[in-house]
Amino acid sequence: MNNKLFVGNLSFKTTENDLQDAFSAHGTVTETNLMVDRATNRPRGFGFVTMGSPEEAQKAIEAMNGKELDGRALTVNIARPREERTGGGGGGGRGFGGGGRRDSRGGGGGGGRDRY
């Protein structure tokens, strides 16, 4: 079992120190990490807490899942490994943007709407 915990439904006022204090009552906290939006530098409402051992992590889940912190009921469970993201993307969506090849003659650009 992993000892890194996902902590969701956090108040935007919650700090890493608040997480440290709340979880340290259930074992040794080796790391806390709040996720912030890159563009706005505002909290995203979730973070991660790494406990000293898998046993402490399980104890913290049992104690903290559903418990209120800063007026919010926490969601606490074992953190899953980060999924690999494919690069690129963008364009498309509502009939414009994108680009690429639309027929066997090549071309490209423009987007999803045929001209009449």
N, C-alpha and C. Protein backbone atom coordinates (compact mmCIF):
# COMPACT_ATOMS: atom_id res chain seq x y z
N MET A 1 0.84 -1.18 0.00
CA MET A 1 0.00 0.00 0.00
C MET A 1 0.89 1.25 0.00
N ASN A 2 0.41 2.26 -0.65
CA ASN A 2 1.12 3.53 -0.76
C ASN A 2 0.86 4.37 0.49
N ASN A 3 1.76 5.27 0.82
CA ASN A 3 1.50 6.16 1.96
C ASN A 3 1.26 7.61 1.53
N LYS A 4 0.99 7.82 0.23
CA LYS A 4 0.63 9.15 -0.25
C LYS A 4 -0.89 9.21 -0.39
N LEU A 5 -1.49 10.23 0.22
CA LEU A 5 -2.94 10.37 0.25
C LEU A 5 -3.40 11.54 -0.61
N PHE A 6 -4.50 11.33 -1.31
CA PHE A 6 -5.20 12.40 -2.01
C PHE A 6 -6.18 13.01 -1.01
N VAL A 7 -6.21 14.33 -0.93
CA VAL A 7 -7.14 15.02 -0.05
C VAL A 7 -7.94 15.99 -0.90
N GLY A 8 -9.24 15.73 -1.04
CA GLY A 8 -10.09 16.55 -1.89
C GLY A 8 -11.13 17.32 -1.10
N ASN A 9 -11.82 18.21 -1.79
CA ASN A 9 -12.87 19.07 -1.24
C ASN A 9 -12.31 20.03 -0.19
N LEU A 10 -11.10 20.51 -0.43
CA LEU A 10 -10.48 21.46 0.50
C LEU A 10 -11.04 22.86 0.29
N SER A 11 -11.15 23.58 1.37
CA SER A 11 -11.50 24.99 1.29
C SER A 11 -10.34 25.74 0.64
N PHE A 12 -10.65 26.80 -0.08
CA PHE A 12 -9.61 27.59 -0.70
C PHE A 12 -8.79 28.35 0.35
N LYS A 13 -9.27 28.38 1.60
CA LYS A 13 -8.54 29.03 2.69
C LYS A 13 -7.54 28.08 3.35
N THR A 14 -7.66 26.78 3.12
CA THR A 14 -6.80 25.80 3.77
C THR A 14 -5.36 25.94 3.29
N THR A 15 -4.42 25.90 4.22
CA THR A 15 -3.00 26.00 3.89
C THR A 15 -2.32 24.64 4.07
N GLU A 16 -1.09 24.54 3.59
CA GLU A 16 -0.32 23.31 3.79
C GLU A 16 -0.08 23.07 5.28
N ASN A 17 0.10 24.14 6.05
CA ASN A 17 0.26 23.99 7.50
C ASN A 17 -1.01 23.44 8.14
N ASP A 18 -2.18 23.88 7.66
CA ASP A 18 -3.45 23.34 8.18
C ASP A 18 -3.53 21.83 7.93
N LEU A 19 -3.13 21.40 6.73
CA LEU A 19 -3.14 19.97 6.41
C LEU A 19 -2.15 19.22 7.31
N GLN A 20 -0.96 19.78 7.46
CA GLN A 20 0.06 19.17 8.31
C GLN A 20 -0.48 18.96 9.72
N ASP A 21 -1.10 20.00 10.28
CA ASP A 21 -1.62 19.92 11.64
C ASP A 21 -2.74 18.88 11.76
N ALA A 22 -3.65 18.87 10.79
CA ALA A 22 -4.80 17.96 10.85
C ALA A 22 -4.37 16.50 10.74
N PHE A 23 -3.42 16.22 9.86
CA PHE A 23 -3.03 14.83 9.62
C PHE A 23 -1.97 14.33 10.60
N SER A 24 -1.20 15.23 11.20
CA SER A 24 -0.14 14.79 12.12
C SER A 24 -0.72 14.16 13.39
N ALA A 25 -1.98 14.39 13.67
CA ALA A 25 -2.62 13.73 14.82
C ALA A 25 -2.76 12.22 14.58
N HIS A 26 -2.56 11.78 13.34
CA HIS A 26 -2.77 10.37 12.99
C HIS A 26 -1.50 9.68 12.52
N GLY A 27 -0.34 10.34 12.70
CA GLY A 27 0.94 9.74 12.32
C GLY A 27 1.91 10.82 11.86
N THR A 28 3.04 10.37 11.39
CA THR A 28 4.08 11.27 10.92
C THR A 28 3.76 11.75 9.50
N VAL A 29 3.69 13.05 9.33
CA VAL A 29 3.47 13.63 8.00
C VAL A 29 4.84 14.00 7.44
N THR A 30 5.21 13.39 6.32
CA THR A 30 6.52 13.69 5.73
C THR A 30 6.44 14.79 4.67
N GLU A 31 5.25 15.00 4.08
CA GLU A 31 5.12 16.03 3.05
C GLU A 31 3.65 16.41 2.88
N THR A 32 3.40 17.70 2.64
CA THR A 32 2.07 18.17 2.24
C THR A 32 2.26 19.00 0.98
N ASN A 33 1.26 18.93 0.11
CA ASN A 33 1.36 19.62 -1.17
C ASN A 33 -0.03 20.04 -1.62
N LEU A 34 -0.29 21.33 -1.65
CA LEU A 34 -1.56 21.85 -2.16
C LEU A 34 -1.40 22.18 -3.64
N MET A 35 -2.37 21.79 -4.43
CA MET A 35 -2.32 22.08 -5.87
C MET A 35 -2.87 23.48 -6.12
N VAL A 36 -2.15 24.26 -6.93
CA VAL A 36 -2.59 25.60 -7.29
C VAL A 36 -2.67 25.73 -8.80
N ASP A 37 -3.56 26.58 -9.27
CA ASP A 37 -3.71 26.85 -10.69
C ASP A 37 -2.49 27.64 -11.17
N ARG A 38 -1.87 27.19 -12.25
CA ARG A 38 -0.66 27.86 -12.76
C ARG A 38 -0.94 29.29 -13.20
N ALA A 39 -2.08 29.50 -13.82
CA ALA A 39 -2.37 30.82 -14.39
C ALA A 39 -2.73 31.84 -13.31
N THR A 40 -3.52 31.44 -12.32
CA THR A 40 -4.01 32.40 -11.32
C THR A 40 -3.30 32.29 -9.98
N ASN A 41 -2.55 31.21 -9.78
CA ASN A 41 -1.87 30.93 -8.51
C ASN A 41 -2.86 30.78 -7.35
N ARG A 42 -4.10 30.42 -7.67
CA ARG A 42 -5.11 30.20 -6.63
C ARG A 42 -5.24 28.70 -6.37
N PRO A 43 -5.61 28.32 -5.14
CA PRO A 43 -5.76 26.89 -4.83
C PRO A 43 -6.81 26.23 -5.71
N ARG A 44 -6.60 24.94 -6.00
CA ARG A 44 -7.53 24.18 -6.83
C ARG A 44 -8.49 23.33 -6.01
N GLY A 45 -8.34 23.33 -4.69
CA GLY A 45 -9.29 22.61 -3.84
C GLY A 45 -8.90 21.18 -3.53
N PHE A 46 -7.67 20.79 -3.86
CA PHE A 46 -7.20 19.47 -3.47
C PHE A 46 -5.70 19.48 -3.27
N GLY A 47 -5.21 18.44 -2.64
CA GLY A 47 -3.78 18.35 -2.39
C GLY A 47 -3.40 16.93 -2.02
N PHE A 48 -2.17 16.77 -1.57
CA PHE A 48 -1.63 15.46 -1.22
C PHE A 48 -0.92 15.55 0.11
N VAL A 49 -1.05 14.49 0.90
CA VAL A 49 -0.35 14.37 2.17
C VAL A 49 0.38 13.03 2.14
N THR A 50 1.67 13.04 2.42
CA THR A 50 2.44 11.80 2.49
C THR A 50 2.69 11.48 3.96
N MET A 51 2.25 10.30 4.35
CA MET A 51 2.42 9.84 5.72
C MET A 51 3.70 9.02 5.83
N GLY A 52 4.17 8.79 7.06
CA GLY A 52 5.42 8.09 7.29
C GLY A 52 5.40 6.62 6.92
N SER A 53 4.23 5.98 6.97
CA SER A 53 4.15 4.55 6.66
C SER A 53 2.77 4.24 6.09
N PRO A 54 2.64 3.10 5.41
CA PRO A 54 1.32 2.71 4.91
C PRO A 54 0.28 2.53 6.03
N GLU A 55 0.73 2.08 7.18
CA GLU A 55 -0.19 1.90 8.32
C GLU A 55 -0.73 3.24 8.79
N GLU A 56 0.17 4.25 8.87
CA GLU A 56 -0.26 5.58 9.27
C GLU A 56 -1.19 6.18 8.22
N ALA A 57 -0.92 5.90 6.95
CA ALA A 57 -1.78 6.39 5.88
C ALA A 57 -3.19 5.82 6.03
N GLN A 58 -3.28 4.51 6.30
CA GLN A 58 -4.59 3.88 6.47
C GLN A 58 -5.32 4.45 7.68
N LYS A 59 -4.59 4.67 8.75
CA LYS A 59 -5.18 5.25 9.96
C LYS A 59 -5.70 6.67 9.67
N ALA A 60 -4.94 7.44 8.90
CA ALA A 60 -5.34 8.81 8.56
C ALA A 60 -6.59 8.81 7.67
N ILE A 61 -6.67 7.86 6.74
CA ILE A 61 -7.86 7.76 5.88
C ILE A 61 -9.08 7.51 6.74
N GLU A 62 -8.98 6.53 7.63
CA GLU A 62 -10.12 6.17 8.48
C GLU A 62 -10.56 7.33 9.36
N ALA A 63 -9.59 8.12 9.83
CA ALA A 63 -9.91 9.23 10.73
C ALA A 63 -10.37 10.49 10.00
N MET A 64 -9.80 10.76 8.82
CA MET A 64 -10.01 12.06 8.18
C MET A 64 -11.03 12.06 7.04
N ASN A 65 -11.31 10.91 6.44
CA ASN A 65 -12.27 10.88 5.33
C ASN A 65 -13.66 11.25 5.86
N GLY A 66 -14.23 12.31 5.33
CA GLY A 66 -15.53 12.79 5.76
C GLY A 66 -15.46 13.79 6.90
N LYS A 67 -14.30 13.96 7.51
CA LYS A 67 -14.15 14.92 8.60
C LYS A 67 -14.11 16.33 8.05
N GLU A 68 -14.63 17.28 8.83
CA GLU A 68 -14.67 18.66 8.39
C GLU A 68 -13.37 19.39 8.69
N LEU A 69 -12.90 20.15 7.70
CA LEU A 69 -11.74 21.03 7.87
C LEU A 69 -12.07 22.34 7.17
N ASP A 70 -12.02 23.44 7.89
CA ASP A 70 -12.37 24.76 7.35
C ASP A 70 -13.77 24.75 6.73
N GLY A 71 -14.70 24.03 7.37
CA GLY A 71 -16.09 24.03 6.92
C GLY A 71 -16.40 23.11 5.75
N ARG A 72 -15.45 22.27 5.34
CA ARG A 72 -15.67 21.36 4.21
C ARG A 72 -15.41 19.92 4.66
N ALA A 73 -16.27 19.00 4.22
CA ALA A 73 -16.07 17.58 4.51
C ALA A 73 -15.02 17.02 3.55
N LEU A 74 -13.91 16.55 4.08
CA LEU A 74 -12.79 16.10 3.26
C LEU A 74 -13.06 14.76 2.59
N THR A 75 -12.48 14.59 1.43
CA THR A 75 -12.40 13.29 0.76
C THR A 75 -10.95 12.87 0.84
N VAL A 76 -10.71 11.74 1.51
CA VAL A 76 -9.33 11.28 1.70
C VAL A 76 -9.24 9.83 1.25
N ASN A 77 -8.30 9.56 0.34
CA ASN A 77 -8.04 8.18 -0.08
C ASN A 77 -6.61 8.07 -0.60
N ILE A 78 -6.22 6.83 -0.92
CA ILE A 78 -4.88 6.60 -1.43
C ILE A 78 -4.73 7.31 -2.77
N ALA A 79 -3.63 8.03 -2.93
CA ALA A 79 -3.37 8.73 -4.19
C ALA A 79 -3.03 7.73 -5.28
N ARG A 80 -3.67 7.88 -6.44
CA ARG A 80 -3.35 7.04 -7.60
C ARG A 80 -2.15 7.65 -8.32
N PRO A 81 -1.39 6.82 -9.01
CA PRO A 81 -0.28 7.38 -9.80
C PRO A 81 -0.81 8.33 -10.85
N ARG A 82 -0.04 9.36 -11.14
CA ARG A 82 -0.45 10.35 -12.13
C ARG A 82 -0.52 9.69 -13.50
N GLU A 83 -1.61 9.93 -14.21
CA GLU A 83 -1.77 9.36 -15.54
C GLU A 83 -0.93 10.13 -16.54
N GLU A 84 -0.34 9.39 -17.47
CA GLU A 84 0.45 10.04 -18.52
C GLU A 84 -0.49 10.85 -19.42
N ARG A 85 -0.08 12.05 -19.72
CA ARG A 85 -0.86 12.90 -20.62
C ARG A 85 -0.18 12.92 -21.98
N THR A 86 -1.00 12.91 -23.03
CA THR A 86 -0.42 13.05 -24.35
C THR A 86 -0.25 14.53 -24.64
N GLY A 87 0.76 14.88 -25.39
CA GLY A 87 1.02 16.28 -25.70
C GLY A 87 0.08 16.79 -26.76
N GLY A 88 0.16 18.05 -27.04
CA GLY A 88 -0.65 18.65 -28.11
C GLY A 88 -2.06 18.94 -27.66
N GLY A 89 -2.97 18.82 -28.60
CA GLY A 89 -4.36 19.11 -28.29
C GLY A 89 -4.73 20.46 -28.83
N GLY A 90 -5.83 20.96 -28.38
CA GLY A 90 -6.29 22.27 -28.81
C GLY A 90 -7.07 22.20 -30.10
N GLY A 91 -7.63 23.30 -30.51
CA GLY A 91 -8.39 23.36 -31.76
C GLY A 91 -9.69 22.59 -31.66
N GLY A 92 -10.40 22.52 -32.74
CA GLY A 92 -11.63 21.72 -32.82
C GLY A 92 -12.70 22.20 -31.87
N GLY A 93 -13.69 21.38 -31.68
CA GLY A 93 -14.68 21.68 -30.67
C GLY A 93 -16.02 22.11 -31.23
N ARG A 94 -16.10 23.26 -31.86
CA ARG A 94 -17.40 23.77 -32.28
C ARG A 94 -17.43 24.08 -33.77
N GLY A 95 -16.77 23.29 -34.55
CA GLY A 95 -16.86 23.48 -36.00
C GLY A 95 -15.87 24.47 -36.56
N PHE A 96 -14.90 24.86 -35.76
CA PHE A 96 -13.86 25.71 -36.30
C PHE A 96 -12.57 25.41 -35.56
N GLY A 97 -11.48 25.97 -36.01
CA GLY A 97 -10.19 25.68 -35.41
C GLY A 97 -9.70 24.34 -35.90
N GLY A 98 -8.76 23.78 -35.19
CA GLY A 98 -8.26 22.46 -35.58
C GLY A 98 -7.39 22.57 -36.81
N GLY A 99 -7.81 21.99 -37.86
CA GLY A 99 -7.00 21.99 -39.07
C GLY A 99 -6.71 20.57 -39.47
N GLY A 100 -5.67 20.40 -40.19
CA GLY A 100 -5.31 19.05 -40.61
C GLY A 100 -5.96 18.71 -41.93
N ARG A 101 -5.86 17.49 -42.33
CA ARG A 101 -6.30 17.03 -43.63
C ARG A 101 -7.79 16.70 -43.62
N ARG A 102 -8.56 17.29 -44.54
CA ARG A 102 -10.01 17.06 -44.57
C ARG A 102 -10.42 16.10 -45.67
N ASP A 103 -9.62 15.92 -46.70
CA ASP A 103 -9.98 14.98 -47.76
C ASP A 103 -8.71 14.43 -48.39
N SER A 104 -8.86 13.62 -49.40
CA SER A 104 -7.71 12.94 -49.98
C SER A 104 -6.79 13.88 -50.76
N ARG A 105 -7.25 15.09 -51.06
CA ARG A 105 -6.41 16.03 -51.82
C ARG A 105 -5.46 16.80 -50.92
N GLY A 106 -5.55 16.62 -49.62
CA GLY A 106 -4.65 17.38 -48.75
C GLY A 106 -5.35 18.63 -48.27
N GLY A 107 -4.68 19.71 -48.34
CA GLY A 107 -5.26 20.96 -47.87
C GLY A 107 -5.04 21.08 -46.38
N GLY A 108 -6.06 21.50 -45.69
CA GLY A 108 -5.95 21.64 -44.25
C GLY A 108 -6.42 23.01 -43.84
N GLY A 109 -6.08 23.39 -42.64
CA GLY A 109 -6.49 24.69 -42.13
C GLY A 109 -8.00 24.76 -42.00
N GLY A 110 -8.50 25.92 -41.74
CA GLY A 110 -9.95 26.10 -41.72
C GLY A 110 -10.61 25.38 -40.59
N GLY A 111 -11.23 24.32 -40.86
CA GLY A 111 -11.87 23.60 -39.78
C GLY A 111 -13.11 22.90 -40.24
N GLY A 112 -13.93 22.55 -39.31
CA GLY A 112 -14.98 21.58 -39.52
C GLY A 112 -16.17 22.01 -40.35
N ARG A 113 -16.24 23.20 -40.86
CA ARG A 113 -17.45 23.63 -41.56
C ARG A 113 -17.19 23.69 -43.06
N ASP A 114 -17.99 22.97 -43.83
CA ASP A 114 -17.85 23.00 -45.30
C ASP A 114 -18.44 24.30 -45.83
N ARG A 115 -17.80 24.84 -46.85
CA ARG A 115 -18.30 26.07 -47.48
C ARG A 115 -19.23 25.71 -48.63
N TYR A 116 -20.30 26.46 -48.79
CA TYR A 116 -21.25 26.18 -49.87
C TYR A 116 -21.16 27.26 -50.91
